[in-house]
Amino acid sequence: MKLLVLGCETMREGVVVTAIFLVVGIVLILAGVKVVPDFAYMKHIVLLVGFLLMLFAPVILVSTFLISVLPGAKKKMDECEH
């Protein structure tokens, strides 16, 4: 499977995407509560997107970790410079 290929860049990208999702999710939730007007359910839509981003942040991080502990991933991870 080409999707389960793990490397140094994949690990870094997983952590960066997790951080971005978490920060953007928090910002959207705060914006939905404080800034967005209650017009055509916009407040609910912004809150939903924020909660979804916050929900997917740990899912991405855990899935990246689980891919890293698959058999055969250790030799690829030994080549990384930390």
Protein backbone atom coordinates (compact mmCIF):
# COMPACT_ATOMS: atom_id res chain seq x y z
CA MET A 1 0.00 0.00 0.00
CA LYS A 2 1.39 3.34 -0.99
CA LEU A 3 -0.68 5.25 1.60
CA LEU A 4 1.06 3.56 4.53
CA VAL A 5 4.55 4.62 3.46
CA LEU A 6 6.17 6.33 6.40
CA GLY A 7 9.22 8.50 6.39
CA CYS A 8 10.73 11.40 8.26
CA GLU A 9 8.76 13.93 6.25
CA THR A 10 5.50 12.06 6.79
CA MET A 11 5.96 12.13 10.55
CA ARG A 12 6.73 15.86 10.50
CA GLU A 13 3.80 16.58 8.20
CA GLY A 14 1.45 14.63 10.48
CA VAL A 15 2.49 16.66 13.51
CA VAL A 16 2.30 19.97 11.62
CA VAL A 17 -1.17 19.19 10.21
CA THR A 18 -2.34 18.20 13.69
CA ALA A 19 -1.13 21.49 15.15
CA ILE A 20 -2.71 23.49 12.33
CA PHE A 21 -6.05 21.69 12.69
CA LEU A 22 -6.03 22.27 16.45
CA VAL A 23 -5.22 25.98 16.23
CA VAL A 24 -7.66 26.66 13.36
CA GLY A 25 -10.36 24.68 15.17
CA ILE A 26 -9.93 26.73 18.34
CA VAL A 27 -9.94 29.98 16.36
CA LEU A 28 -13.11 28.98 14.48
CA ILE A 29 -14.89 28.02 17.69
CA LEU A 30 -13.96 31.32 19.32
CA ALA A 31 -15.00 33.21 16.19
CA GLY A 32 -18.28 31.32 16.06
CA VAL A 33 -19.07 32.18 19.64
CA LYS A 34 -17.90 35.81 19.69
CA VAL A 35 -17.76 37.25 16.15
CA VAL A 36 -20.02 35.51 13.63
CA PRO A 37 -23.54 36.95 13.48
CA ASP A 38 -26.55 34.68 13.88
CA PHE A 39 -27.49 34.85 10.21
CA ALA A 40 -28.66 31.83 8.17
CA TYR A 41 -27.14 29.37 10.66
CA MET A 42 -23.64 30.72 9.99
CA LYS A 43 -22.77 30.54 13.68
CA HIS A 44 -23.68 26.84 13.75
CA ILE A 45 -21.76 26.10 10.56
CA VAL A 46 -18.60 27.80 11.83
CA LEU A 47 -18.88 25.99 15.17
CA LEU A 48 -19.38 22.66 13.39
CA VAL A 49 -16.30 23.14 11.22
CA GLY A 50 -14.28 24.16 14.28
CA PHE A 51 -15.38 21.11 16.25
CA LEU A 52 -14.65 18.82 13.28
CA LEU A 53 -11.14 20.23 12.94
CA MET A 54 -10.54 19.77 16.66
CA LEU A 55 -11.89 16.22 16.39
CA PHE A 56 -9.64 15.30 13.46
CA ALA A 57 -6.46 16.71 15.07
CA PRO A 58 -5.93 13.83 17.53
CA VAL A 59 -7.15 11.30 14.96
CA ILE A 60 -4.37 12.36 12.57
CA LEU A 61 -1.78 12.30 15.35
CA VAL A 62 -2.82 8.85 16.59
CA SER A 63 -2.97 7.41 13.06
CA THR A 64 0.53 8.75 12.33
CA PHE A 65 1.75 7.08 15.51
CA LEU A 66 0.04 3.80 14.67
CA ILE A 67 1.61 3.78 11.21
CA SER A 68 5.01 4.36 12.80
CA VAL A 69 4.71 1.21 14.95
CA LEU A 70 3.85 -1.07 12.03
CA PRO A 71 6.34 -3.85 11.34
CA GLY A 72 9.05 -2.66 8.99
CA ALA A 73 8.71 0.99 9.92
CA LYS A 74 11.56 0.85 12.43
CA LYS A 75 14.31 0.62 9.81
CA LYS A 76 12.84 3.60 7.94
CA MET A 77 12.64 5.62 11.13
CA ASP A 78 16.24 4.81 12.10
CA GLU A 79 17.41 6.80 9.07
CA CYS A 80 15.76 10.00 10.35
CA GLU A 81 17.74 12.84 11.86
CA HIS A 82 15.92 14.15 14.91
